[in-house]
N, C-alpha and C. Protein backbone atom coordinates (compact mmCIF):
# COMPACT_ATOMS: atom_id res chain seq x y z
N MET A 1 2.11 35.00 18.81
CA MET A 1 3.53 34.94 18.48
C MET A 1 3.75 34.36 17.11
N ASN A 2 2.95 33.31 16.75
CA ASN A 2 3.06 32.69 15.46
C ASN A 2 2.72 33.69 14.30
N ILE A 3 1.77 34.57 14.57
CA ILE A 3 1.42 35.55 13.57
C ILE A 3 2.54 36.50 13.35
N LEU A 4 3.17 36.92 14.38
CA LEU A 4 4.31 37.87 14.26
C LEU A 4 5.46 37.14 13.53
N HIS A 5 5.74 35.86 13.92
CA HIS A 5 6.78 35.13 13.20
C HIS A 5 6.51 34.97 11.69
N GLY A 6 5.25 34.67 11.34
CA GLY A 6 4.85 34.51 9.93
C GLY A 6 4.98 35.88 9.22
N LEU A 7 4.60 37.01 9.88
CA LEU A 7 4.70 38.27 9.27
C LEU A 7 6.17 38.66 8.98
N ILE A 8 7.06 38.39 9.94
CA ILE A 8 8.47 38.67 9.74
C ILE A 8 9.04 37.83 8.60
N LYS A 9 8.66 36.53 8.49
CA LYS A 9 9.13 35.70 7.39
C LYS A 9 8.64 36.25 6.11
N CYS A 10 7.42 36.74 6.00
CA CYS A 10 6.92 37.27 4.72
C CYS A 10 7.58 38.57 4.31
N VAL A 11 7.80 39.43 5.32
CA VAL A 11 8.44 40.73 5.08
C VAL A 11 9.92 40.49 4.55
N LEU A 12 10.63 39.62 5.25
CA LEU A 12 11.96 39.34 4.88
C LEU A 12 12.05 38.65 3.51
N SER A 13 11.17 37.79 3.23
CA SER A 13 11.09 37.09 1.92
C SER A 13 10.81 38.10 0.81
N VAL A 14 9.80 38.90 0.97
CA VAL A 14 9.44 39.92 -0.05
C VAL A 14 10.65 40.89 -0.23
N GLY A 15 11.21 41.35 0.85
CA GLY A 15 12.35 42.27 0.79
C GLY A 15 13.52 41.66 0.02
N LEU A 16 13.87 40.44 0.33
CA LEU A 16 14.97 39.77 -0.30
C LEU A 16 14.64 39.54 -1.78
N MET A 17 13.43 39.19 -2.08
CA MET A 17 13.02 38.98 -3.49
C MET A 17 13.05 40.27 -4.28
N ILE A 18 12.61 41.38 -3.71
CA ILE A 18 12.67 42.67 -4.41
C ILE A 18 14.11 43.12 -4.60
N PHE A 19 14.95 42.88 -3.59
CA PHE A 19 16.36 43.19 -3.72
C PHE A 19 16.97 42.46 -4.82
N GLY A 20 16.70 41.14 -4.96
CA GLY A 20 17.22 40.30 -6.04
C GLY A 20 16.73 40.76 -7.40
N ILE A 21 15.43 41.10 -7.47
CA ILE A 21 14.88 41.60 -8.76
C ILE A 21 15.52 42.92 -9.20
N LEU A 22 15.72 43.85 -8.21
CA LEU A 22 16.33 45.10 -8.49
C LEU A 22 17.72 44.94 -9.02
N LEU A 23 18.51 44.05 -8.40
CA LEU A 23 19.82 43.77 -8.86
C LEU A 23 19.85 43.17 -10.32
N LEU A 24 18.95 42.26 -10.54
CA LEU A 24 18.87 41.65 -11.90
C LEU A 24 18.40 42.76 -12.94
N ALA A 25 17.49 43.54 -12.53
CA ALA A 25 17.02 44.61 -13.43
C ALA A 25 18.15 45.60 -13.75
N ASP A 26 19.04 45.89 -12.84
CA ASP A 26 20.17 46.78 -13.09
C ASP A 26 21.18 46.14 -14.04
N VAL A 27 21.34 44.86 -14.00
CA VAL A 27 22.17 44.10 -14.96
C VAL A 27 21.60 44.13 -16.36
N VAL A 28 20.30 44.00 -16.48
CA VAL A 28 19.61 43.91 -17.81
C VAL A 28 19.59 45.27 -18.48
N ALA A 29 19.57 46.39 -17.85
CA ALA A 29 19.56 47.70 -18.48
C ALA A 29 18.75 48.73 -17.71
N VAL A 30 17.96 48.28 -16.79
CA VAL A 30 17.10 49.24 -16.06
C VAL A 30 18.02 49.70 -14.90
N HIS A 31 18.35 50.93 -14.92
CA HIS A 31 19.28 51.44 -13.90
C HIS A 31 18.55 51.69 -12.57
N THR A 32 19.07 51.12 -11.53
CA THR A 32 18.56 51.31 -10.18
C THR A 32 19.68 51.80 -9.25
N PRO A 33 19.35 52.64 -8.30
CA PRO A 33 20.41 53.09 -7.40
C PRO A 33 20.94 52.04 -6.48
N VAL A 34 20.15 50.92 -6.29
CA VAL A 34 20.62 49.88 -5.41
C VAL A 34 21.87 49.25 -5.97
N GLY A 35 21.88 48.96 -7.26
CA GLY A 35 23.09 48.38 -7.87
C GLY A 35 24.32 49.20 -7.74
N ASP A 36 24.25 50.51 -7.95
CA ASP A 36 25.44 51.37 -7.87
C ASP A 36 25.90 51.48 -6.38
N PHE A 37 24.94 51.53 -5.48
CA PHE A 37 25.28 51.72 -4.08
C PHE A 37 26.00 50.52 -3.48
N LEU A 38 25.59 49.31 -3.77
CA LEU A 38 26.09 48.10 -3.15
C LEU A 38 27.19 47.38 -3.96
N ILE A 39 26.97 47.13 -5.18
CA ILE A 39 27.90 46.32 -6.01
C ILE A 39 28.20 47.08 -7.30
N ASN A 40 29.46 47.27 -7.59
CA ASN A 40 29.90 48.09 -8.78
C ASN A 40 29.85 47.30 -10.05
N ASP A 41 30.25 46.01 -10.09
CA ASP A 41 30.30 45.33 -11.39
C ASP A 41 29.03 44.55 -11.66
N LYS A 42 28.72 44.40 -12.92
CA LYS A 42 27.53 43.76 -13.39
C LYS A 42 27.49 42.25 -13.02
N LEU A 43 28.63 41.56 -13.09
CA LEU A 43 28.61 40.16 -12.73
C LEU A 43 28.28 39.96 -11.21
N GLY A 44 28.82 40.83 -10.38
CA GLY A 44 28.44 40.76 -8.96
C GLY A 44 27.03 41.02 -8.70
N ARG A 45 26.39 41.93 -9.43
CA ARG A 45 24.96 42.25 -9.28
C ARG A 45 24.15 41.03 -9.76
N LEU A 46 24.55 40.44 -10.91
CA LEU A 46 23.88 39.26 -11.45
C LEU A 46 23.88 38.13 -10.51
N LEU A 47 25.04 37.79 -9.97
CA LEU A 47 25.19 36.62 -9.10
C LEU A 47 24.42 36.88 -7.79
N THR A 48 24.54 38.08 -7.23
CA THR A 48 23.83 38.43 -5.98
C THR A 48 22.33 38.40 -6.15
N GLY A 49 21.87 38.95 -7.26
CA GLY A 49 20.39 38.95 -7.52
C GLY A 49 19.88 37.47 -7.72
N ILE A 50 20.57 36.68 -8.51
CA ILE A 50 20.11 35.31 -8.67
C ILE A 50 20.18 34.53 -7.31
N SER A 51 21.21 34.77 -6.54
CA SER A 51 21.34 34.12 -5.25
C SER A 51 20.23 34.53 -4.28
N ALA A 52 19.82 35.83 -4.27
CA ALA A 52 18.77 36.26 -3.43
C ALA A 52 17.47 35.65 -3.77
N ILE A 53 17.16 35.67 -5.07
CA ILE A 53 15.91 35.04 -5.51
C ILE A 53 15.88 33.55 -5.22
N PHE A 54 16.99 32.89 -5.57
CA PHE A 54 17.12 31.44 -5.30
C PHE A 54 16.92 31.09 -3.87
N LEU A 55 17.52 31.89 -2.93
CA LEU A 55 17.35 31.63 -1.50
C LEU A 55 15.92 31.76 -1.03
N VAL A 56 15.24 32.75 -1.56
CA VAL A 56 13.81 32.93 -1.19
C VAL A 56 13.01 31.72 -1.65
N LEU A 57 13.20 31.37 -2.97
CA LEU A 57 12.46 30.21 -3.53
C LEU A 57 12.78 28.99 -2.80
N LEU A 58 14.06 28.70 -2.48
CA LEU A 58 14.41 27.49 -1.79
C LEU A 58 13.86 27.49 -0.39
N TYR A 59 13.81 28.66 0.29
CA TYR A 59 13.25 28.68 1.62
C TYR A 59 11.75 28.23 1.59
N TRP A 60 11.02 28.87 0.66
CA TRP A 60 9.58 28.61 0.59
C TRP A 60 9.24 27.18 0.16
N LEU A 61 10.08 26.64 -0.77
CA LEU A 61 9.84 25.28 -1.18
C LEU A 61 10.17 24.25 -0.08
N THR A 62 11.17 24.53 0.73
CA THR A 62 11.48 23.59 1.80
C THR A 62 10.61 23.81 3.01
N ALA A 63 9.92 24.96 3.10
CA ALA A 63 9.09 25.24 4.22
C ALA A 63 7.66 24.58 4.10
N ILE A 64 7.33 24.07 2.94
CA ILE A 64 6.04 23.46 2.69
C ILE A 64 6.06 22.16 3.51
N PRO A 65 5.09 21.97 4.38
CA PRO A 65 5.04 20.70 5.14
C PRO A 65 4.60 19.59 4.25
N VAL A 66 5.26 18.44 4.41
CA VAL A 66 4.89 17.25 3.77
C VAL A 66 4.14 16.39 4.74
N LYS A 67 2.90 16.04 4.40
CA LYS A 67 2.11 15.29 5.30
C LYS A 67 2.51 13.78 5.23
N GLU A 68 3.05 13.34 6.34
CA GLU A 68 3.52 12.00 6.37
C GLU A 68 2.41 11.06 6.77
N GLU A 69 2.32 9.93 6.11
CA GLU A 69 1.29 9.02 6.36
C GLU A 69 1.58 8.29 7.71
N ARG A 70 0.48 8.21 8.53
CA ARG A 70 0.69 7.56 9.83
C ARG A 70 0.24 6.14 9.81
N PHE A 71 0.88 5.31 10.61
CA PHE A 71 0.57 3.87 10.67
C PHE A 71 0.38 3.50 12.13
N LEU A 72 -0.48 2.49 12.40
CA LEU A 72 -0.56 1.84 13.67
C LEU A 72 0.21 0.52 13.55
N THR A 73 1.16 0.26 14.39
CA THR A 73 1.93 -0.88 14.36
C THR A 73 1.76 -1.81 15.53
N PHE A 74 1.57 -3.11 15.23
CA PHE A 74 1.31 -4.09 16.29
C PHE A 74 2.28 -5.24 16.14
N GLU A 75 2.61 -5.85 17.24
CA GLU A 75 3.42 -7.06 17.21
C GLU A 75 2.48 -8.27 17.47
N ASN A 76 2.81 -9.32 16.74
CA ASN A 76 2.13 -10.63 17.07
C ASN A 76 3.25 -11.73 16.95
N GLU A 77 2.79 -12.95 17.12
CA GLU A 77 3.76 -14.08 17.02
C GLU A 77 4.46 -14.20 15.66
N GLY A 78 3.84 -13.73 14.65
CA GLY A 78 4.46 -13.83 13.27
C GLY A 78 5.31 -12.66 12.95
N GLY A 79 5.29 -11.53 13.71
CA GLY A 79 6.09 -10.42 13.34
C GLY A 79 5.31 -9.14 13.58
N THR A 80 5.65 -8.11 12.85
CA THR A 80 5.12 -6.80 12.98
C THR A 80 4.09 -6.53 11.93
N ILE A 81 2.96 -5.86 12.30
CA ILE A 81 1.88 -5.57 11.36
C ILE A 81 1.72 -4.03 11.49
N SER A 82 1.72 -3.35 10.34
CA SER A 82 1.45 -1.96 10.29
C SER A 82 0.28 -1.70 9.41
N ILE A 83 -0.72 -0.89 9.89
CA ILE A 83 -1.89 -0.57 9.14
C ILE A 83 -1.98 0.94 9.07
N SER A 84 -2.21 1.44 7.89
CA SER A 84 -2.32 2.90 7.69
C SER A 84 -3.59 3.39 8.38
N VAL A 85 -3.39 4.55 9.07
CA VAL A 85 -4.57 5.19 9.80
C VAL A 85 -5.67 5.56 8.79
N LYS A 86 -5.21 5.96 7.63
CA LYS A 86 -6.20 6.30 6.60
C LYS A 86 -7.06 5.10 6.19
N ALA A 87 -6.37 3.90 6.12
CA ALA A 87 -7.05 2.67 5.74
C ALA A 87 -8.04 2.30 6.82
N ILE A 88 -7.69 2.48 8.05
CA ILE A 88 -8.59 2.16 9.16
C ILE A 88 -9.77 3.06 9.16
N ASN A 89 -9.54 4.38 8.92
CA ASN A 89 -10.62 5.37 8.89
C ASN A 89 -11.59 5.06 7.79
N ASP A 90 -11.02 4.70 6.56
CA ASP A 90 -11.92 4.30 5.48
C ASP A 90 -12.71 3.06 5.74
N PHE A 91 -12.07 2.14 6.40
CA PHE A 91 -12.74 0.84 6.76
C PHE A 91 -13.91 1.12 7.66
N LEU A 92 -13.64 1.93 8.70
CA LEU A 92 -14.69 2.27 9.70
C LEU A 92 -15.81 3.04 9.10
N ALA A 93 -15.50 3.98 8.12
CA ALA A 93 -16.53 4.79 7.50
C ALA A 93 -17.58 3.88 6.77
N LYS A 94 -17.14 2.72 6.26
CA LYS A 94 -18.07 1.86 5.58
C LYS A 94 -19.09 1.20 6.48
N LEU A 95 -18.87 1.27 7.80
CA LEU A 95 -19.81 0.68 8.73
C LEU A 95 -21.18 1.47 8.66
N ALA A 96 -21.18 2.67 8.14
CA ALA A 96 -22.42 3.47 8.04
C ALA A 96 -23.44 2.72 7.19
N ASP A 97 -22.98 1.86 6.27
CA ASP A 97 -23.93 1.18 5.40
C ASP A 97 -24.71 0.12 6.20
N GLU A 98 -24.30 -0.23 7.37
CA GLU A 98 -25.00 -1.24 8.18
C GLU A 98 -26.15 -0.68 9.03
N PHE A 99 -26.29 0.68 9.06
CA PHE A 99 -27.21 1.31 9.91
C PHE A 99 -28.13 2.24 9.09
N ALA A 100 -29.46 2.05 9.20
CA ALA A 100 -30.36 2.90 8.41
C ALA A 100 -30.41 4.28 8.89
N GLY A 101 -30.11 4.56 10.15
CA GLY A 101 -30.19 5.88 10.75
C GLY A 101 -28.99 6.72 10.45
N ILE A 102 -27.94 6.17 9.97
CA ILE A 102 -26.76 6.91 9.67
C ILE A 102 -26.68 7.36 8.21
N ILE A 103 -26.58 8.64 8.04
CA ILE A 103 -26.46 9.20 6.66
C ILE A 103 -24.96 9.25 6.25
N GLN A 104 -24.11 9.70 7.20
CA GLN A 104 -22.67 9.81 6.91
C GLN A 104 -21.93 9.49 8.16
N LEU A 105 -20.73 8.90 7.97
CA LEU A 105 -19.91 8.55 9.07
C LEU A 105 -18.45 8.90 8.64
N ARG A 106 -17.78 9.61 9.52
CA ARG A 106 -16.36 9.92 9.35
C ARG A 106 -15.57 9.48 10.54
N ALA A 107 -14.56 8.73 10.37
CA ALA A 107 -13.81 8.08 11.49
C ALA A 107 -12.47 8.79 11.61
N ASP A 108 -12.01 8.88 12.85
CA ASP A 108 -10.63 9.42 13.06
C ASP A 108 -10.00 8.61 14.18
N VAL A 109 -9.03 7.75 13.79
CA VAL A 109 -8.37 6.84 14.72
C VAL A 109 -7.05 7.53 15.18
N ALA A 110 -6.77 7.42 16.48
CA ALA A 110 -5.54 7.97 17.03
C ALA A 110 -4.93 7.06 18.01
N ALA A 111 -3.60 6.95 18.00
CA ALA A 111 -2.89 6.07 19.00
C ALA A 111 -2.49 6.94 20.19
N LEU A 112 -2.86 6.44 21.34
CA LEU A 112 -2.60 7.19 22.61
C LEU A 112 -1.11 6.84 23.06
N ARG A 113 -0.57 7.61 23.91
CA ARG A 113 0.80 7.42 24.39
C ARG A 113 1.01 6.12 25.14
N ASP A 114 -0.07 5.58 25.72
CA ASP A 114 0.02 4.39 26.50
C ASP A 114 -0.14 3.09 25.64
N GLY A 115 -0.24 3.29 24.31
CA GLY A 115 -0.34 2.15 23.43
C GLY A 115 -1.76 1.84 23.06
N HIS A 116 -2.77 2.38 23.72
CA HIS A 116 -4.13 2.08 23.37
C HIS A 116 -4.56 2.98 22.17
N ILE A 117 -5.70 2.61 21.65
CA ILE A 117 -6.25 3.34 20.50
C ILE A 117 -7.59 4.00 20.86
N GLU A 118 -7.73 5.22 20.29
CA GLU A 118 -8.98 5.92 20.50
C GLU A 118 -9.61 6.16 19.13
N VAL A 119 -10.94 5.91 19.04
CA VAL A 119 -11.63 6.06 17.81
C VAL A 119 -12.67 7.16 17.99
N ARG A 120 -12.68 8.16 17.09
CA ARG A 120 -13.72 9.20 17.14
C ARG A 120 -14.50 9.07 15.88
N LEU A 121 -15.81 9.09 16.05
CA LEU A 121 -16.72 8.95 14.88
C LEU A 121 -17.60 10.20 14.84
N ASP A 122 -17.51 10.90 13.66
CA ASP A 122 -18.44 12.01 13.47
C ASP A 122 -19.57 11.49 12.58
N VAL A 123 -20.76 11.55 13.08
CA VAL A 123 -21.90 10.93 12.46
C VAL A 123 -22.99 11.95 12.13
N THR A 124 -23.59 11.80 10.94
CA THR A 124 -24.79 12.48 10.57
C THR A 124 -25.89 11.53 10.56
N VAL A 125 -26.94 11.79 11.30
CA VAL A 125 -28.04 10.81 11.47
C VAL A 125 -29.37 11.40 10.99
N LYS A 126 -30.28 10.53 10.62
CA LYS A 126 -31.60 10.93 10.25
C LYS A 126 -32.37 11.39 11.45
N ALA A 127 -33.30 12.33 11.22
CA ALA A 127 -34.14 12.76 12.30
C ALA A 127 -35.07 11.61 12.73
N GLY A 128 -35.35 11.46 13.97
CA GLY A 128 -36.15 10.35 14.51
C GLY A 128 -35.31 9.17 14.92
N THR A 129 -34.04 9.16 14.66
CA THR A 129 -33.19 8.06 15.07
C THR A 129 -32.97 8.12 16.57
N LYS A 130 -33.03 7.00 17.20
CA LYS A 130 -32.73 6.96 18.64
C LYS A 130 -31.21 7.00 18.77
N VAL A 131 -30.64 8.22 19.04
CA VAL A 131 -29.29 8.45 18.99
C VAL A 131 -28.48 7.64 20.02
N GLN A 132 -28.99 7.63 21.24
CA GLN A 132 -28.27 6.89 22.31
C GLN A 132 -28.17 5.44 21.96
N GLN A 133 -29.21 4.77 21.59
CA GLN A 133 -29.20 3.37 21.17
C GLN A 133 -28.33 3.15 19.98
N LEU A 134 -28.45 3.96 18.99
CA LEU A 134 -27.61 3.81 17.76
C LEU A 134 -26.11 3.96 18.18
N SER A 135 -25.85 4.92 18.98
CA SER A 135 -24.43 5.17 19.44
C SER A 135 -23.82 3.98 20.16
N GLN A 136 -24.63 3.42 21.06
CA GLN A 136 -24.19 2.18 21.80
C GLN A 136 -23.87 0.99 20.84
N VAL A 137 -24.82 0.74 19.92
CA VAL A 137 -24.64 -0.33 19.01
C VAL A 137 -23.46 -0.01 18.05
N LEU A 138 -23.29 1.15 17.63
CA LEU A 138 -22.21 1.57 16.73
C LEU A 138 -20.86 1.38 17.43
N GLN A 139 -20.80 1.76 18.73
CA GLN A 139 -19.51 1.57 19.51
C GLN A 139 -19.17 0.11 19.63
N GLN A 140 -20.16 -0.74 19.85
CA GLN A 140 -19.91 -2.19 19.94
C GLN A 140 -19.45 -2.69 18.58
N ARG A 141 -20.15 -2.23 17.53
CA ARG A 141 -19.76 -2.74 16.20
C ARG A 141 -18.40 -2.33 15.78
N VAL A 142 -18.00 -1.12 16.13
CA VAL A 142 -16.64 -0.63 15.84
C VAL A 142 -15.60 -1.54 16.55
N ARG A 143 -15.77 -1.75 17.84
CA ARG A 143 -14.84 -2.61 18.60
C ARG A 143 -14.82 -4.01 17.99
N GLU A 144 -15.98 -4.58 17.72
CA GLU A 144 -16.00 -5.90 17.18
C GLU A 144 -15.38 -6.01 15.76
N SER A 145 -15.63 -5.04 14.96
CA SER A 145 -15.12 -5.06 13.61
C SER A 145 -13.61 -4.81 13.63
N MET A 146 -13.06 -3.98 14.46
CA MET A 146 -11.63 -3.76 14.53
C MET A 146 -10.91 -4.97 15.06
N ARG A 147 -11.56 -5.59 16.04
CA ARG A 147 -10.92 -6.82 16.63
C ARG A 147 -10.93 -7.98 15.68
N GLU A 148 -12.07 -8.23 15.02
CA GLU A 148 -12.20 -9.40 14.12
C GLU A 148 -11.52 -9.24 12.78
N ASN A 149 -11.69 -8.06 12.17
CA ASN A 149 -11.15 -7.83 10.87
C ASN A 149 -9.74 -7.27 10.79
N LEU A 150 -9.34 -6.47 11.75
CA LEU A 150 -8.01 -5.80 11.72
C LEU A 150 -7.06 -6.40 12.73
N GLY A 151 -7.61 -7.12 13.74
CA GLY A 151 -6.71 -7.69 14.77
C GLY A 151 -6.32 -6.68 15.81
N ILE A 152 -7.13 -5.56 15.95
CA ILE A 152 -6.81 -4.58 16.91
C ILE A 152 -7.78 -4.70 18.09
N ALA A 153 -7.22 -5.04 19.19
CA ALA A 153 -8.06 -5.34 20.38
C ALA A 153 -7.96 -4.24 21.46
N GLU A 154 -6.87 -3.55 21.52
CA GLU A 154 -6.58 -2.54 22.58
C GLU A 154 -7.23 -1.19 22.23
N ILE A 155 -8.57 -1.10 22.21
CA ILE A 155 -9.29 0.12 21.91
C ILE A 155 -9.68 0.73 23.25
N HIS A 156 -9.14 1.93 23.50
CA HIS A 156 -9.41 2.60 24.80
C HIS A 156 -10.82 3.20 24.87
N ALA A 157 -11.16 3.85 23.76
CA ALA A 157 -12.46 4.49 23.72
C ALA A 157 -13.00 4.61 22.29
N VAL A 158 -14.33 4.53 22.13
CA VAL A 158 -14.93 4.83 20.86
C VAL A 158 -15.94 5.98 21.16
N LYS A 159 -15.60 7.16 20.65
CA LYS A 159 -16.46 8.34 20.94
C LYS A 159 -17.22 8.66 19.70
N VAL A 160 -18.52 8.81 19.96
CA VAL A 160 -19.47 9.12 18.84
C VAL A 160 -19.96 10.53 19.00
N ASN A 161 -19.66 11.36 17.96
CA ASN A 161 -20.08 12.73 17.94
C ASN A 161 -21.13 12.90 16.88
N VAL A 162 -22.37 13.19 17.22
CA VAL A 162 -23.44 13.40 16.29
C VAL A 162 -23.28 14.87 15.80
N SER A 163 -22.77 15.03 14.60
CA SER A 163 -22.49 16.35 14.03
C SER A 163 -23.71 17.02 13.51
N SER A 164 -24.64 16.24 13.03
CA SER A 164 -25.95 16.92 12.52
C SER A 164 -27.01 15.85 12.43
N ILE A 165 -28.21 16.33 12.56
CA ILE A 165 -29.42 15.51 12.40
C ILE A 165 -30.20 16.02 11.24
N VAL A 166 -30.42 15.22 10.23
CA VAL A 166 -30.98 15.62 8.98
C VAL A 166 -32.43 15.10 8.91
N ALA A 167 -33.25 15.83 8.23
CA ALA A 167 -34.72 15.42 8.10
C ALA A 167 -34.77 14.05 7.48
N ALA A 168 -35.67 13.17 7.99
CA ALA A 168 -35.82 11.84 7.60
C ALA A 168 -36.24 11.60 6.17
N ASP A 169 -36.88 12.63 5.55
CA ASP A 169 -37.39 12.42 4.21
C ASP A 169 -36.30 12.68 3.13
N GLU A 170 -35.11 13.20 3.58
CA GLU A 170 -33.98 13.38 2.61
C GLU A 170 -33.44 12.03 2.29
N PRO A 171 -32.98 11.82 1.06
CA PRO A 171 -32.47 10.53 0.60
C PRO A 171 -31.19 10.18 1.31
N ALA A 172 -31.06 8.88 1.68
CA ALA A 172 -29.88 8.40 2.34
C ALA A 172 -28.94 7.84 1.45
N SER A 173 -28.69 8.46 0.28
CA SER A 173 -27.69 8.13 -0.75
C SER A 173 -27.79 6.71 -1.20
N GLY A 174 -29.02 6.27 -1.41
CA GLY A 174 -29.26 4.96 -2.10
C GLY A 174 -28.78 3.79 -1.40
N ARG A 175 -29.02 3.67 -0.10
CA ARG A 175 -28.62 2.56 0.75
C ARG A 175 -29.63 1.44 0.56
N PRO A 176 -29.20 0.20 0.66
CA PRO A 176 -30.14 -0.94 0.58
C PRO A 176 -31.12 -0.99 1.80
N ALA A 177 -32.22 -1.53 1.51
CA ALA A 177 -33.34 -1.55 2.56
C ALA A 177 -33.10 -2.65 3.61
N GLU A 178 -32.17 -3.63 3.39
CA GLU A 178 -32.05 -4.69 4.37
C GLU A 178 -31.19 -4.37 5.58
N ARG A 179 -30.81 -3.11 5.79
CA ARG A 179 -30.01 -2.72 6.94
C ARG A 179 -30.85 -2.69 8.21
N ALA A 180 -30.17 -2.64 9.35
CA ALA A 180 -30.79 -2.56 10.61
C ALA A 180 -31.62 -1.29 10.66
N ASP A 181 -32.82 -1.25 11.18
CA ASP A 181 -33.60 -0.07 11.25
C ASP A 181 -33.59 0.49 12.62
N TRP A 182 -32.93 1.67 12.80
CA TRP A 182 -32.80 2.27 14.12
C TRP A 182 -33.65 3.56 14.22
N GLN A 183 -34.67 3.68 13.38
CA GLN A 183 -35.50 4.82 13.41
C GLN A 183 -36.68 4.63 14.38
N ASP A 184 -37.15 5.69 14.91
CA ASP A 184 -38.38 5.66 15.72
C ASP A 184 -39.57 5.35 14.84
N ALA A 185 -40.44 4.51 15.34
CA ALA A 185 -41.65 4.13 14.52
C ALA A 185 -42.65 5.28 14.32
N SER A 186 -42.56 6.32 15.10
CA SER A 186 -43.53 7.44 14.96
C SER A 186 -43.16 8.38 13.79
N VAL A 187 -42.02 8.18 13.18
CA VAL A 187 -41.57 9.00 12.11
C VAL A 187 -41.91 8.44 10.77
């Protein structure tokens, strides 16, 4: 149904734009039968053509969605605290530097309807990493870090999705060697 709706919008927009251009062309000196058939005077054609083109442009400019920044808001004894979801996601992504087995971490924080928070982590790990152990420690570290650093304690779930496992000999983007080592000793 959305495809049909989009197709109708495009056809109507293109049709109205062509109609406006034909009317303007008839005013400028290119004779079109549309102008004679609908509007007899040049001023009427000019105003109608400009209006048609303006309406199409206005429609498409206002139809562009503006992505609104989302915030998580909390009440405490001092007042209200709002933290940008993007800031929380960026903060959590930096936890990857604490784990040798993680090559890349992307966080996605969402507020549930009951007021709790859900965190989803998409992780790329090195081959040979003990994924279950790493995931458990990462989940604990996310809860601890959000509670201690951001003051967010109502975390419903921390879901870890291992999106890919990369060969261990590929560089881990220059991470320091003093991180916790979660790799299997046989690799």
